[in-house]
Amino acid sequence: MNFFGHAALAASHFSERELAEARHLPTLCLGAMLPDFIGMLRLGRPTLHDSVLATGVAFHHGTDEVFHDLPGFQRLSRQAFSWLLERGMPRGPARAVAHMGIEMLLDEVMASDATACDAYLRALRVPLDQRLEFTSPLDTQRLQGLLDALLTRTSSYVEPPAELVAERIRRSLAGRPRLATDDAGQALLGSWVTATRPHVTAEAPEVLAMLRARLANFGRAK
């Protein structure tokens, strides 16, 4: 699950719970995205000083544990991997795209929900001061810079051009030599996005319903 999807799921999961009063929900959604942001920036793990933020982080990890085992996600990933291999993409990049790319296309489906988009944007505006602490103050500045940059892309999750999605995938893999792709690979990714979008759209209701059902008891007193 990509960071936008984590925010959308957190918003729907916590919206009916006492913890998720209006003043808490943005922080929960930020926490749900935080592990992805830390990975993207390659930051060290911060100390969390906010229990609500920590709950969001825990929800992120619980979501990933369930999501990656869903039959629908695994089926879409296998199909993507086969499609890319058959057209000449090396196994490493093909496997990465079959995971990351499917998550990005699921984000597009979830972005059709205005409530999810609003929760995501409010989460990006949550002040970081006193909520978490990195070993280096520079890491806090880098994280804040990413949040600010994402706020400028407010409409980019509602079915952007296939070429733009392909470029994003390529950029995400660029820092890993074994997974990086070239211009020809990016062109292939654009074709893959166009071919795969309808399948992800068709599978998404089942995937998301099963995911929400399996997460239903998260955070409830035992």
N, C-alpha and C. Protein backbone atom coordinates (compact mmCIF):
# COMPACT_ATOMS: atom_id res chain seq x y z
N MET A 1 0.84 -1.18 0.00
CA MET A 1 0.00 0.00 0.00
C MET A 1 0.88 1.24 0.00
N ASN A 2 0.61 2.16 -0.92
CA ASN A 2 1.38 3.39 -1.03
C ASN A 2 0.88 4.41 0.00
N PHE A 3 1.64 5.51 0.19
CA PHE A 3 1.34 6.41 1.31
C PHE A 3 -0.05 7.03 1.20
N PHE A 4 -0.49 7.40 -0.01
CA PHE A 4 -1.83 7.96 -0.13
C PHE A 4 -2.87 6.93 0.32
N GLY A 5 -2.69 5.69 -0.12
CA GLY A 5 -3.62 4.64 0.28
C GLY A 5 -3.66 4.44 1.79
N HIS A 6 -2.49 4.54 2.42
CA HIS A 6 -2.44 4.41 3.88
C HIS A 6 -3.27 5.50 4.55
N ALA A 7 -3.17 6.74 4.06
CA ALA A 7 -3.95 7.83 4.63
C ALA A 7 -5.45 7.61 4.42
N ALA A 8 -5.81 7.17 3.21
CA ALA A 8 -7.22 6.95 2.90
C ALA A 8 -7.81 5.84 3.79
N LEU A 9 -7.06 4.77 3.96
CA LEU A 9 -7.54 3.68 4.81
C LEU A 9 -7.65 4.10 6.26
N ALA A 10 -6.66 4.85 6.74
CA ALA A 10 -6.71 5.33 8.13
C ALA A 10 -7.92 6.23 8.33
N ALA A 11 -8.21 7.08 7.37
CA ALA A 11 -9.36 7.98 7.50
C ALA A 11 -10.65 7.21 7.61
N SER A 12 -10.83 6.19 6.77
CA SER A 12 -12.08 5.41 6.82
C SER A 12 -12.14 4.53 8.06
N HIS A 13 -10.99 4.01 8.49
CA HIS A 13 -10.98 3.10 9.65
C HIS A 13 -11.28 3.83 10.95
N PHE A 14 -10.65 4.98 11.14
CA PHE A 14 -10.75 5.68 12.42
C PHE A 14 -11.91 6.67 12.49
N SER A 15 -12.59 6.91 11.38
CA SER A 15 -13.60 7.96 11.37
C SER A 15 -14.76 7.67 12.30
N GLU A 16 -15.02 6.40 12.61
CA GLU A 16 -16.16 6.06 13.47
C GLU A 16 -15.73 5.73 14.90
N ARG A 17 -14.47 5.99 15.22
CA ARG A 17 -13.98 5.65 16.55
C ARG A 17 -13.75 6.91 17.37
N GLU A 18 -13.86 6.77 18.68
CA GLU A 18 -13.76 7.92 19.57
C GLU A 18 -12.43 8.64 19.42
N LEU A 19 -11.36 7.88 19.17
CA LEU A 19 -10.04 8.49 19.03
C LEU A 19 -9.98 9.47 17.88
N ALA A 20 -10.80 9.22 16.87
CA ALA A 20 -10.72 10.00 15.64
C ALA A 20 -11.68 11.17 15.63
N GLU A 21 -11.69 11.96 16.68
CA GLU A 21 -12.38 13.24 16.64
C GLU A 21 -11.67 14.10 15.59
N ALA A 22 -12.32 15.15 15.17
CA ALA A 22 -11.78 15.95 14.07
C ALA A 22 -10.34 16.38 14.31
N ARG A 23 -10.00 16.65 15.54
CA ARG A 23 -8.66 17.15 15.82
C ARG A 23 -7.61 16.04 15.81
N HIS A 24 -8.03 14.78 15.86
CA HIS A 24 -7.08 13.67 15.89
C HIS A 24 -6.87 13.00 14.52
N LEU A 25 -7.88 13.04 13.67
CA LEU A 25 -7.81 12.27 12.43
C LEU A 25 -6.63 12.67 11.54
N PRO A 26 -6.32 13.95 11.34
CA PRO A 26 -5.15 14.28 10.51
C PRO A 26 -3.85 13.69 11.05
N THR A 27 -3.69 13.68 12.37
CA THR A 27 -2.46 13.14 12.95
C THR A 27 -2.40 11.62 12.76
N LEU A 28 -3.53 10.95 12.88
CA LEU A 28 -3.59 9.51 12.62
C LEU A 28 -3.19 9.21 11.17
N CYS A 29 -3.70 10.02 10.25
CA CYS A 29 -3.40 9.79 8.83
C CYS A 29 -1.93 10.09 8.54
N LEU A 30 -1.38 11.12 9.17
CA LEU A 30 0.05 11.40 9.00
C LEU A 30 0.88 10.22 9.52
N GLY A 31 0.52 9.70 10.69
CA GLY A 31 1.23 8.54 11.22
C GLY A 31 1.15 7.35 10.29
N ALA A 32 -0.01 7.16 9.65
CA ALA A 32 -0.18 6.04 8.73
C ALA A 32 0.72 6.16 7.51
N MET A 33 1.09 7.38 7.15
CA MET A 33 1.98 7.60 6.00
C MET A 33 3.45 7.68 6.39
N LEU A 34 3.72 7.93 7.65
CA LEU A 34 5.08 8.27 8.09
C LEU A 34 6.12 7.21 7.72
N PRO A 35 5.88 5.91 7.91
CA PRO A 35 6.93 4.94 7.54
C PRO A 35 7.32 5.01 6.06
N ASP A 36 6.34 5.27 5.19
CA ASP A 36 6.67 5.41 3.76
C ASP A 36 7.52 6.65 3.52
N PHE A 37 7.19 7.75 4.17
CA PHE A 37 7.97 8.97 3.99
C PHE A 37 9.41 8.77 4.47
N ILE A 38 9.56 8.10 5.60
CA ILE A 38 10.90 7.84 6.13
C ILE A 38 11.70 6.98 5.16
N GLY A 39 11.05 5.98 4.57
CA GLY A 39 11.72 5.14 3.59
C GLY A 39 12.08 5.89 2.33
N MET A 40 11.19 6.74 1.85
CA MET A 40 11.45 7.52 0.65
C MET A 40 12.66 8.43 0.81
N LEU A 41 12.78 9.02 1.99
CA LEU A 41 13.87 9.96 2.26
C LEU A 41 15.10 9.28 2.85
N ARG A 42 14.97 7.99 3.15
CA ARG A 42 16.04 7.21 3.76
C ARG A 42 16.52 7.85 5.06
N LEU A 43 15.57 8.15 5.91
CA LEU A 43 15.85 8.76 7.20
C LEU A 43 15.96 7.67 8.27
N GLY A 44 16.59 8.01 9.38
CA GLY A 44 16.59 7.13 10.53
C GLY A 44 15.22 7.13 11.19
N ARG A 45 14.95 6.10 11.98
CA ARG A 45 13.65 6.03 12.65
C ARG A 45 13.57 7.08 13.75
N PRO A 46 12.53 7.91 13.76
CA PRO A 46 12.43 8.96 14.77
C PRO A 46 11.85 8.44 16.08
N THR A 47 12.04 9.20 17.14
CA THR A 47 11.34 8.96 18.40
C THR A 47 10.00 9.68 18.32
N LEU A 48 8.93 8.96 18.62
CA LEU A 48 7.59 9.54 18.55
C LEU A 48 7.17 10.03 19.93
N HIS A 49 6.75 11.27 20.02
CA HIS A 49 6.31 11.87 21.28
C HIS A 49 4.79 12.07 21.32
N ASP A 50 4.10 11.57 20.33
CA ASP A 50 2.65 11.76 20.21
C ASP A 50 2.01 10.39 20.07
N SER A 51 1.16 10.02 21.03
CA SER A 51 0.55 8.68 21.03
C SER A 51 -0.40 8.50 19.85
N VAL A 52 -1.04 9.56 19.42
CA VAL A 52 -1.95 9.46 18.27
C VAL A 52 -1.14 9.19 17.00
N LEU A 53 -0.03 9.91 16.83
CA LEU A 53 0.85 9.65 15.69
C LEU A 53 1.35 8.21 15.73
N ALA A 54 1.71 7.72 16.90
CA ALA A 54 2.20 6.34 17.05
C ALA A 54 1.12 5.33 16.68
N THR A 55 -0.14 5.63 16.99
CA THR A 55 -1.23 4.74 16.60
C THR A 55 -1.34 4.67 15.09
N GLY A 56 -1.17 5.81 14.43
CA GLY A 56 -1.19 5.81 12.97
C GLY A 56 -0.07 4.99 12.37
N VAL A 57 1.13 5.09 12.95
CA VAL A 57 2.27 4.29 12.49
C VAL A 57 1.97 2.79 12.65
N ALA A 58 1.41 2.42 13.81
CA ALA A 58 1.07 1.02 14.04
C ALA A 58 0.03 0.54 13.03
N PHE A 59 -0.91 1.42 12.68
CA PHE A 59 -1.93 1.06 11.68
C PHE A 59 -1.28 0.83 10.32
N HIS A 60 -0.28 1.63 9.99
CA HIS A 60 0.47 1.43 8.74
C HIS A 60 1.04 0.01 8.67
N HIS A 61 1.72 -0.41 9.72
CA HIS A 61 2.36 -1.72 9.70
C HIS A 61 1.32 -2.84 9.70
N GLY A 62 0.23 -2.64 10.43
CA GLY A 62 -0.84 -3.64 10.40
C GLY A 62 -1.47 -3.75 9.03
N THR A 63 -1.62 -2.62 8.35
CA THR A 63 -2.19 -2.62 7.00
C THR A 63 -1.29 -3.36 6.03
N ASP A 64 0.01 -3.07 6.05
CA ASP A 64 0.93 -3.74 5.13
C ASP A 64 0.93 -5.25 5.36
N GLU A 65 0.90 -5.66 6.60
CA GLU A 65 0.93 -7.09 6.91
C GLU A 65 -0.26 -7.81 6.30
N VAL A 66 -1.43 -7.16 6.34
CA VAL A 66 -2.63 -7.77 5.77
C VAL A 66 -2.66 -7.62 4.25
N PHE A 67 -2.34 -6.43 3.76
CA PHE A 67 -2.50 -6.11 2.35
C PHE A 67 -1.69 -7.04 1.45
N HIS A 68 -0.46 -7.29 1.81
CA HIS A 68 0.42 -8.06 0.94
C HIS A 68 0.01 -9.52 0.82
N ASP A 69 -0.87 -9.98 1.71
CA ASP A 69 -1.36 -11.36 1.65
C ASP A 69 -2.73 -11.47 0.98
N LEU A 70 -3.30 -10.37 0.56
CA LEU A 70 -4.63 -10.42 -0.05
C LEU A 70 -4.58 -11.13 -1.40
N PRO A 71 -5.49 -12.07 -1.64
CA PRO A 71 -5.49 -12.78 -2.94
C PRO A 71 -5.59 -11.83 -4.13
N GLY A 72 -6.41 -10.78 -4.02
CA GLY A 72 -6.57 -9.86 -5.14
C GLY A 72 -5.29 -9.12 -5.47
N PHE A 73 -4.57 -8.66 -4.45
CA PHE A 73 -3.30 -7.97 -4.68
C PHE A 73 -2.27 -8.94 -5.27
N GLN A 74 -2.19 -10.13 -4.73
CA GLN A 74 -1.24 -11.11 -5.25
C GLN A 74 -1.54 -11.46 -6.70
N ARG A 75 -2.82 -11.57 -7.03
CA ARG A 75 -3.21 -11.89 -8.40
C ARG A 75 -2.80 -10.76 -9.35
N LEU A 76 -3.08 -9.53 -8.98
CA LEU A 76 -2.69 -8.39 -9.81
C LEU A 76 -1.18 -8.30 -9.96
N SER A 77 -0.45 -8.58 -8.90
CA SER A 77 1.01 -8.53 -8.96
C SER A 77 1.57 -9.60 -9.88
N ARG A 78 1.03 -10.81 -9.80
CA ARG A 78 1.49 -11.88 -10.69
C ARG A 78 1.24 -11.53 -12.15
N GLN A 79 0.06 -10.99 -12.43
CA GLN A 79 -0.27 -10.62 -13.80
C GLN A 79 0.68 -9.53 -14.31
N ALA A 80 0.97 -8.55 -13.45
CA ALA A 80 1.88 -7.47 -13.85
C ALA A 80 3.28 -8.01 -14.11
N PHE A 81 3.76 -8.87 -13.23
CA PHE A 81 5.09 -9.45 -13.38
C PHE A 81 5.20 -10.21 -14.69
N SER A 82 4.20 -11.02 -15.00
CA SER A 82 4.22 -11.81 -16.24
C SER A 82 4.18 -10.89 -17.47
N TRP A 83 3.32 -9.88 -17.42
CA TRP A 83 3.18 -8.96 -18.55
C TRP A 83 4.50 -8.28 -18.86
N LEU A 84 5.19 -7.81 -17.83
CA LEU A 84 6.45 -7.09 -18.03
C LEU A 84 7.57 -8.03 -18.47
N LEU A 85 7.63 -9.23 -17.89
CA LEU A 85 8.66 -10.20 -18.31
C LEU A 85 8.49 -10.57 -19.77
N GLU A 86 7.26 -10.80 -20.18
CA GLU A 86 7.01 -11.21 -21.57
C GLU A 86 7.44 -10.15 -22.57
N ARG A 87 7.53 -8.90 -22.12
CA ARG A 87 7.90 -7.80 -23.01
C ARG A 87 9.33 -7.33 -22.80
N GLY A 88 10.11 -8.13 -22.08
CA GLY A 88 11.55 -7.91 -22.02
C GLY A 88 12.08 -7.16 -20.82
N MET A 89 11.26 -6.82 -19.86
CA MET A 89 11.79 -6.13 -18.68
C MET A 89 12.52 -7.15 -17.80
N PRO A 90 13.71 -6.83 -17.30
CA PRO A 90 14.44 -7.75 -16.41
C PRO A 90 13.62 -8.08 -15.16
N ARG A 91 13.94 -9.22 -14.55
CA ARG A 91 13.14 -9.72 -13.44
C ARG A 91 13.11 -8.76 -12.25
N GLY A 92 14.25 -8.14 -11.90
CA GLY A 92 14.28 -7.26 -10.73
C GLY A 92 13.33 -6.08 -10.87
N PRO A 93 13.48 -5.26 -11.91
CA PRO A 93 12.54 -4.15 -12.09
C PRO A 93 11.10 -4.61 -12.27
N ALA A 94 10.91 -5.73 -12.99
CA ALA A 94 9.54 -6.22 -13.20
C ALA A 94 8.88 -6.58 -11.88
N ARG A 95 9.62 -7.21 -10.99
CA ARG A 95 9.05 -7.59 -9.70
C ARG A 95 8.73 -6.35 -8.86
N ALA A 96 9.62 -5.35 -8.91
CA ALA A 96 9.38 -4.12 -8.15
C ALA A 96 8.16 -3.38 -8.68
N VAL A 97 8.04 -3.29 -10.00
CA VAL A 97 6.90 -2.61 -10.61
C VAL A 97 5.60 -3.37 -10.30
N ALA A 98 5.67 -4.68 -10.30
CA ALA A 98 4.49 -5.49 -10.03
C ALA A 98 3.95 -5.27 -8.63
N HIS A 99 4.79 -4.77 -7.75
CA HIS A 99 4.37 -4.44 -6.39
C HIS A 99 4.02 -2.95 -6.29
N MET A 100 4.98 -2.10 -6.55
CA MET A 100 4.80 -0.66 -6.41
C MET A 100 3.77 -0.11 -7.39
N GLY A 101 3.83 -0.56 -8.62
CA GLY A 101 2.93 -0.03 -9.63
C GLY A 101 1.48 -0.34 -9.33
N ILE A 102 1.20 -1.54 -8.87
CA ILE A 102 -0.18 -1.89 -8.51
C ILE A 102 -0.66 -1.00 -7.37
N GLU A 103 0.21 -0.74 -6.40
CA GLU A 103 -0.17 0.14 -5.30
C GLU A 103 -0.50 1.54 -5.79
N MET A 104 0.29 2.05 -6.73
CA MET A 104 0.02 3.38 -7.28
C MET A 104 -1.32 3.43 -8.00
N LEU A 105 -1.65 2.39 -8.73
CA LEU A 105 -2.92 2.36 -9.45
C LEU A 105 -4.10 2.21 -8.49
N LEU A 106 -3.90 1.51 -7.39
CA LEU A 106 -4.94 1.45 -6.36
C LEU A 106 -5.15 2.83 -5.73
N ASP A 107 -4.07 3.59 -5.58
CA ASP A 107 -4.20 4.96 -5.08
C ASP A 107 -5.17 5.76 -5.95
N GLU A 108 -5.07 5.59 -7.26
CA GLU A 108 -5.93 6.34 -8.16
C GLU A 108 -7.40 6.02 -7.90
N VAL A 109 -7.70 4.75 -7.66
CA VAL A 109 -9.08 4.35 -7.38
C VAL A 109 -9.55 5.00 -6.08
N MET A 110 -8.70 4.96 -5.05
CA MET A 110 -9.08 5.51 -3.75
C MET A 110 -9.18 7.03 -3.80
N ALA A 111 -8.47 7.67 -4.72
CA ALA A 111 -8.50 9.13 -4.83
C ALA A 111 -9.81 9.64 -5.40
N SER A 112 -10.67 8.76 -5.88
CA SER A 112 -11.99 9.19 -6.33
C SER A 112 -12.90 9.53 -5.16
N ASP A 113 -12.48 9.21 -3.94
CA ASP A 113 -13.23 9.50 -2.72
C ASP A 113 -12.77 10.86 -2.18
N ALA A 114 -13.65 11.84 -2.23
CA ALA A 114 -13.29 13.20 -1.80
C ALA A 114 -12.92 13.23 -0.32
N THR A 115 -13.55 12.39 0.50
CA THR A 115 -13.25 12.35 1.92
C THR A 115 -11.81 11.89 2.15
N ALA A 116 -11.38 10.89 1.39
CA ALA A 116 -10.01 10.40 1.51
C ALA A 116 -9.01 11.47 1.10
N CYS A 117 -9.31 12.19 0.02
CA CYS A 117 -8.40 13.25 -0.44
C CYS A 117 -8.30 14.36 0.60
N ASP A 118 -9.42 14.72 1.20
CA ASP A 118 -9.41 15.77 2.22
C ASP A 118 -8.58 15.33 3.44
N ALA A 119 -8.75 14.07 3.86
CA ALA A 119 -7.98 13.56 5.00
C ALA A 119 -6.49 13.57 4.70
N TYR A 120 -6.14 13.20 3.49
CA TYR A 120 -4.74 13.19 3.07
C TYR A 120 -4.14 14.60 3.12
N LEU A 121 -4.84 15.57 2.58
CA LEU A 121 -4.32 16.94 2.55
C LEU A 121 -4.21 17.52 3.95
N ARG A 122 -5.19 17.24 4.80
CA ARG A 122 -5.11 17.75 6.18
C ARG A 122 -3.94 17.10 6.92
N ALA A 123 -3.67 15.84 6.62
CA ALA A 123 -2.54 15.16 7.27
C ALA A 123 -1.22 15.81 6.89
N LEU A 124 -1.08 16.21 5.65
CA LEU A 124 0.16 16.84 5.20
C LEU A 124 0.42 18.18 5.89
N ARG A 125 -0.64 18.78 6.44
CA ARG A 125 -0.51 20.09 7.09
C ARG A 125 -0.30 19.98 8.60
N VAL A 126 -0.26 18.78 9.13
CA VAL A 126 -0.07 18.61 10.57
C VAL A 126 1.32 19.10 10.97
N PRO A 127 1.45 19.99 11.96
CA PRO A 127 2.78 20.45 12.40
C PRO A 127 3.60 19.30 12.98
N LEU A 128 4.86 19.25 12.64
CA LEU A 128 5.73 18.19 13.14
C LEU A 128 6.31 18.52 14.51
N ASP A 129 6.36 19.78 14.88
CA ASP A 129 7.00 20.19 16.12
C ASP A 129 6.46 19.41 17.31
N GLN A 130 7.37 18.85 18.08
CA GLN A 130 7.10 18.15 19.33
C GLN A 130 6.37 16.81 19.15
N ARG A 131 6.01 16.47 17.92
CA ARG A 131 5.35 15.18 17.72
C ARG A 131 6.36 14.05 17.49
N LEU A 132 7.50 14.38 16.92
CA LEU A 132 8.52 13.38 16.66
C LEU A 132 9.88 14.04 16.69
N GLU A 133 10.90 13.23 16.85
CA GLU A 133 12.26 13.78 16.99
C GLU A 133 13.25 12.85 16.29
N PHE A 134 13.97 13.39 15.33
CA PHE A 134 15.04 12.67 14.66
C PHE A 134 16.36 12.96 15.37
N THR A 135 17.33 12.10 15.16
CA THR A 135 18.66 12.35 15.72
C THR A 135 19.24 13.63 15.17
N SER A 136 19.00 13.88 13.88
CA SER A 136 19.49 15.10 13.23
C SER A 136 18.32 16.04 12.93
N PRO A 137 18.39 17.30 13.35
CA PRO A 137 17.34 18.26 13.01
C PRO A 137 17.15 18.40 11.50
N LEU A 138 18.20 18.14 10.73
CA LEU A 138 18.09 18.23 9.29
C LEU A 138 17.06 17.24 8.75
N ASP A 139 16.93 16.08 9.40
CA ASP A 139 15.95 15.09 8.96
C ASP A 139 14.53 15.62 9.10
N THR A 140 14.27 16.36 10.16
CA THR A 140 12.95 16.97 10.33
C THR A 140 12.68 17.96 9.20
N GLN A 141 13.70 18.73 8.83
CA GLN A 141 13.55 19.69 7.75
C GLN A 141 13.28 18.98 6.43
N ARG A 142 13.95 17.86 6.19
CA ARG A 142 13.74 17.12 4.95
C ARG A 142 12.32 16.54 4.89
N LEU A 143 11.85 16.03 6.02
CA LEU A 143 10.49 15.50 6.06
C LEU A 143 9.48 16.61 5.82
N GLN A 144 9.68 17.75 6.46
CA GLN A 144 8.78 18.88 6.25
C GLN A 144 8.80 19.32 4.79
N GLY A 145 9.97 19.31 4.18
CA GLY A 145 10.07 19.67 2.78
C GLY A 145 9.27 18.74 1.88
N LEU A 146 9.28 17.45 2.21
CA LEU A 146 8.51 16.49 1.42
C LEU A 146 7.01 16.75 1.59
N LEU A 147 6.56 16.98 2.82
CA LEU A 147 5.14 17.26 3.04
C LEU A 147 4.70 18.50 2.27
N ASP A 148 5.53 19.53 2.29
CA ASP A 148 5.20 20.76 1.57
C ASP A 148 5.14 20.51 0.06
N ALA A 149 6.07 19.71 -0.44
CA ALA A 149 6.09 19.42 -1.88
C ALA A 149 4.85 18.63 -2.30
N LEU A 150 4.44 17.68 -1.47
CA LEU A 150 3.26 16.87 -1.80
C LEU A 150 1.99 17.71 -1.83
N LEU A 151 1.95 18.76 -1.03
CA LEU A 151 0.78 19.64 -1.04
C LEU A 151 0.61 20.35 -2.38
N THR A 152 1.68 20.46 -3.15
CA THR A 152 1.58 21.11 -4.46
C THR A 152 1.08 20.15 -5.53
N ARG A 153 0.92 18.87 -5.17
CA ARG A 153 0.45 17.86 -6.12
C ARG A 153 -0.94 17.38 -5.74
N THR A 154 -1.82 18.31 -5.37
CA THR A 154 -3.10 17.94 -4.77
C THR A 154 -4.02 17.15 -5.69
N SER A 155 -3.89 17.30 -6.99
CA SER A 155 -4.81 16.61 -7.90
C SER A 155 -4.14 15.49 -8.68
N SER A 156 -2.93 15.12 -8.30
CA SER A 156 -2.15 14.22 -9.14
C SER A 156 -2.47 12.75 -8.93
N TYR A 157 -3.43 12.43 -8.06
CA TYR A 157 -3.75 11.03 -7.82
C TYR A 157 -5.00 10.58 -8.56
N VAL A 158 -5.69 11.51 -9.21
CA VAL A 158 -6.90 11.14 -9.92
C VAL A 158 -6.55 10.87 -11.38
N GLU A 159 -6.19 9.63 -11.66
CA GLU A 159 -5.83 9.14 -12.99
C GLU A 159 -4.95 10.12 -13.76
N PRO A 160 -3.72 10.32 -13.31
CA PRO A 160 -2.78 11.14 -14.08
C PRO A 160 -2.42 10.42 -15.38
N PRO A 161 -1.81 11.12 -16.34
CA PRO A 161 -1.41 10.45 -17.59
C PRO A 161 -0.51 9.25 -17.32
N ALA A 162 -0.67 8.22 -18.14
CA ALA A 162 0.13 7.00 -17.95
C ALA A 162 1.62 7.30 -17.98
N GLU A 163 2.00 8.27 -18.81
CA GLU A 163 3.42 8.62 -18.91
C GLU A 163 3.95 9.19 -17.59
N LEU A 164 3.09 9.94 -16.89
CA LEU A 164 3.51 10.51 -15.61
C LEU A 164 3.66 9.42 -14.55
N VAL A 165 2.75 8.46 -14.54
CA VAL A 165 2.87 7.35 -13.60
C VAL A 165 4.15 6.56 -13.89
N ALA A 166 4.42 6.32 -15.16
CA ALA A 166 5.65 5.61 -15.54
C ALA A 166 6.88 6.36 -15.07
N GLU A 167 6.87 7.68 -15.20
CA GLU A 167 8.00 8.49 -14.75
C GLU A 167 8.18 8.39 -13.24
N ARG A 168 7.06 8.41 -12.51
CA ARG A 168 7.14 8.30 -11.05
C ARG A 168 7.72 6.95 -10.63
N ILE A 169 7.29 5.90 -11.30
CA ILE A 169 7.83 4.57 -10.98
C ILE A 169 9.32 4.55 -11.25
N ARG A 170 9.72 5.09 -12.40
CA ARG A 170 11.14 5.10 -12.74
C ARG A 170 11.95 5.87 -11.71
N ARG A 171 11.44 7.03 -11.28
CA ARG A 171 12.16 7.83 -10.28
C ARG A 171 12.27 7.07 -8.96
N SER A 172 11.21 6.37 -8.59
CA SER A 172 11.22 5.63 -7.32
C SER A 172 12.26 4.52 -7.31
N LEU A 173 12.53 3.96 -8.48
CA LEU A 173 13.48 2.85 -8.59
C LEU A 173 14.90 3.32 -8.91
N ALA A 174 15.06 4.60 -9.23
CA ALA A 174 16.34 5.08 -9.75
C ALA A 174 17.49 4.93 -8.77
N GLY A 175 17.20 5.00 -7.48
CA GLY A 175 18.27 4.91 -6.49
C GLY A 175 18.75 3.50 -6.21
N ARG A 176 18.18 2.53 -6.89
CA ARG A 176 18.55 1.13 -6.68
C ARG A 176 19.04 0.55 -8.01
N PRO A 177 20.34 0.46 -8.20
CA PRO A 177 20.89 0.08 -9.51
C PRO A 177 20.29 -1.19 -10.10
N ARG A 178 19.99 -2.18 -9.27
CA ARG A 178 19.45 -3.44 -9.79
C ARG A 178 18.00 -3.34 -10.23
N LEU A 179 17.33 -2.27 -9.82
CA LEU A 179 15.92 -2.10 -10.16
C LEU A 179 15.69 -0.97 -11.14
N ALA A 180 16.70 -0.15 -11.38
CA ALA A 180 16.54 1.02 -12.24
C ALA A 180 16.24 0.61 -13.68
N THR A 181 15.54 1.49 -14.39
CA THR A 181 15.22 1.22 -15.79
C THR A 181 15.60 2.43 -16.64
N ASP A 182 15.64 2.23 -17.96
CA ASP A 182 16.07 3.29 -18.88
C ASP A 182 14.87 3.88 -19.61
N ASP A 183 15.13 4.68 -20.65
CA ASP A 183 14.05 5.32 -21.39
C ASP A 183 13.11 4.29 -22.02
N ALA A 184 13.69 3.22 -22.56
CA ALA A 184 12.86 2.18 -23.16
C ALA A 184 12.00 1.50 -22.10
N GLY A 185 12.58 1.30 -20.94
CA GLY A 185 11.81 0.71 -19.85
C GLY A 185 10.68 1.61 -19.40
N GLN A 186 10.92 2.92 -19.38
CA GLN A 186 9.87 3.86 -19.00
C GLN A 186 8.74 3.85 -20.02
N ALA A 187 9.07 3.76 -21.28
CA ALA A 187 8.04 3.68 -22.32
C ALA A 187 7.19 2.42 -22.13
N LEU A 188 7.86 1.31 -21.79
CA LEU A 188 7.14 0.07 -21.54
C LEU A 188 6.22 0.22 -20.33
N LEU A 189 6.70 0.92 -19.31
CA LEU A 189 5.88 1.15 -18.12
C LEU A 189 4.62 1.95 -18.47
N GLY A 190 4.74 2.92 -19.36
CA GLY A 190 3.57 3.67 -19.78
C GLY A 190 2.53 2.78 -20.43
N SER A 191 3.00 1.85 -21.26
CA SER A 191 2.07 0.90 -21.90
C SER A 191 1.44 -0.02 -20.86
N TRP A 192 2.25 -0.41 -19.88
CA TRP A 192 1.74 -1.28 -18.81
C TRP A 192 0.65 -0.58 -18.00
N VAL A 193 0.87 0.68 -17.67
CA VAL A 193 -0.15 1.44 -16.92
C VAL A 193 -1.46 1.47 -17.68
N THR A 194 -1.40 1.79 -18.97
CA THR A 194 -2.60 1.85 -19.79
C THR A 194 -3.32 0.51 -19.83
N ALA A 195 -2.55 -0.57 -19.98
CA ALA A 195 -3.15 -1.90 -20.07
C ALA A 195 -3.70 -2.39 -18.74
N THR A 196 -3.09 -1.97 -17.64
CA THR A 196 -3.40 -2.53 -16.33
C THR A 196 -4.47 -1.78 -15.57
N ARG A 197 -4.62 -0.50 -15.83
CA ARG A 197 -5.59 0.31 -15.10
C ARG A 197 -6.98 -0.33 -15.04
N PRO A 198 -7.53 -0.79 -16.16
CA PRO A 198 -8.88 -1.37 -16.09
C PRO A 198 -8.96 -2.59 -15.17
N HIS A 199 -7.91 -3.40 -15.13
CA HIS A 199 -7.91 -4.58 -14.26
C HIS A 199 -7.87 -4.18 -12.79
N VAL A 200 -7.05 -3.18 -12.47
CA VAL A 200 -6.98 -2.72 -11.08
C VAL A 200 -8.30 -2.09 -10.66
N THR A 201 -8.90 -1.31 -11.54
CA THR A 201 -10.19 -0.70 -11.24
C THR A 201 -11.25 -1.76 -10.97
N ALA A 202 -11.22 -2.83 -11.75
CA ALA A 202 -12.20 -3.91 -11.57
C ALA A 202 -11.97 -4.69 -10.28
N GLU A 203 -10.72 -4.90 -9.92
CA GLU A 203 -10.39 -5.69 -8.73
C GLU A 203 -10.47 -4.87 -7.45
N ALA A 204 -10.34 -3.56 -7.54
CA ALA A 204 -10.19 -2.71 -6.36
C ALA A 204 -11.32 -2.85 -5.34
N PRO A 205 -12.59 -2.89 -5.73
CA PRO A 205 -13.63 -3.01 -4.70
C PRO A 205 -13.47 -4.25 -3.83
N GLU A 206 -13.15 -5.39 -4.44
CA GLU A 206 -12.96 -6.61 -3.66
C GLU A 206 -11.72 -6.51 -2.78
N VAL A 207 -10.62 -6.00 -3.34
CA VAL A 207 -9.38 -5.88 -2.58
C VAL A 207 -9.57 -4.98 -1.37
N LEU A 208 -10.18 -3.82 -1.57
CA LEU A 208 -10.32 -2.86 -0.49
C LEU A 208 -11.35 -3.31 0.54
N ALA A 209 -12.41 -3.97 0.09
CA ALA A 209 -13.40 -4.48 1.05
C ALA A 209 -12.80 -5.55 1.94
N MET A 210 -12.02 -6.44 1.36
CA MET A 210 -11.38 -7.49 2.16
C MET A 210 -10.35 -6.89 3.11
N LEU A 211 -9.60 -5.91 2.63
CA LEU A 211 -8.60 -5.27 3.48
C LEU A 211 -9.27 -4.59 4.68
N ARG A 212 -10.33 -3.84 4.43
CA ARG A 212 -11.02 -3.16 5.53
C ARG A 212 -11.62 -4.16 6.51
N ALA A 213 -12.14 -5.26 6.00
CA ALA A 213 -12.73 -6.27 6.87
C ALA A 213 -11.67 -6.88 7.79
N ARG A 214 -10.49 -7.14 7.25
CA ARG A 214 -9.44 -7.77 8.04
C ARG A 214 -8.79 -6.81 9.03
N LEU A 215 -8.97 -5.51 8.78
CA LEU A 215 -8.44 -4.51 9.70
C LEU A 215 -9.50 -3.99 10.68
N ALA A 216 -10.69 -4.53 10.60
CA ALA A 216 -11.82 -3.97 11.34
C ALA A 216 -11.58 -3.91 12.84
N ASN A 217 -10.86 -4.87 13.37
CA ASN A 217 -10.67 -4.92 14.84
C ASN A 217 -9.41 -4.19 15.30
N PHE A 218 -8.68 -3.58 14.38
CA PHE A 218 -7.46 -2.87 14.79
C PHE A 218 -7.82 -1.74 15.75
N GLY A 219 -7.13 -1.69 16.89
CA GLY A 219 -7.32 -0.61 17.83
C GLY A 219 -8.46 -0.78 18.80
N ARG A 220 -9.24 -1.85 18.63
CA ARG A 220 -10.33 -2.07 19.55
C ARG A 220 -9.85 -2.80 20.78
N ALA A 221 -10.42 -2.47 21.92
CA ALA A 221 -10.04 -3.13 23.17
C ALA A 221 -10.39 -4.60 23.11
N LYS A 222 -9.44 -5.43 23.59
CA LYS A 222 -9.65 -6.87 23.57
C LYS A 222 -10.33 -7.32 24.86
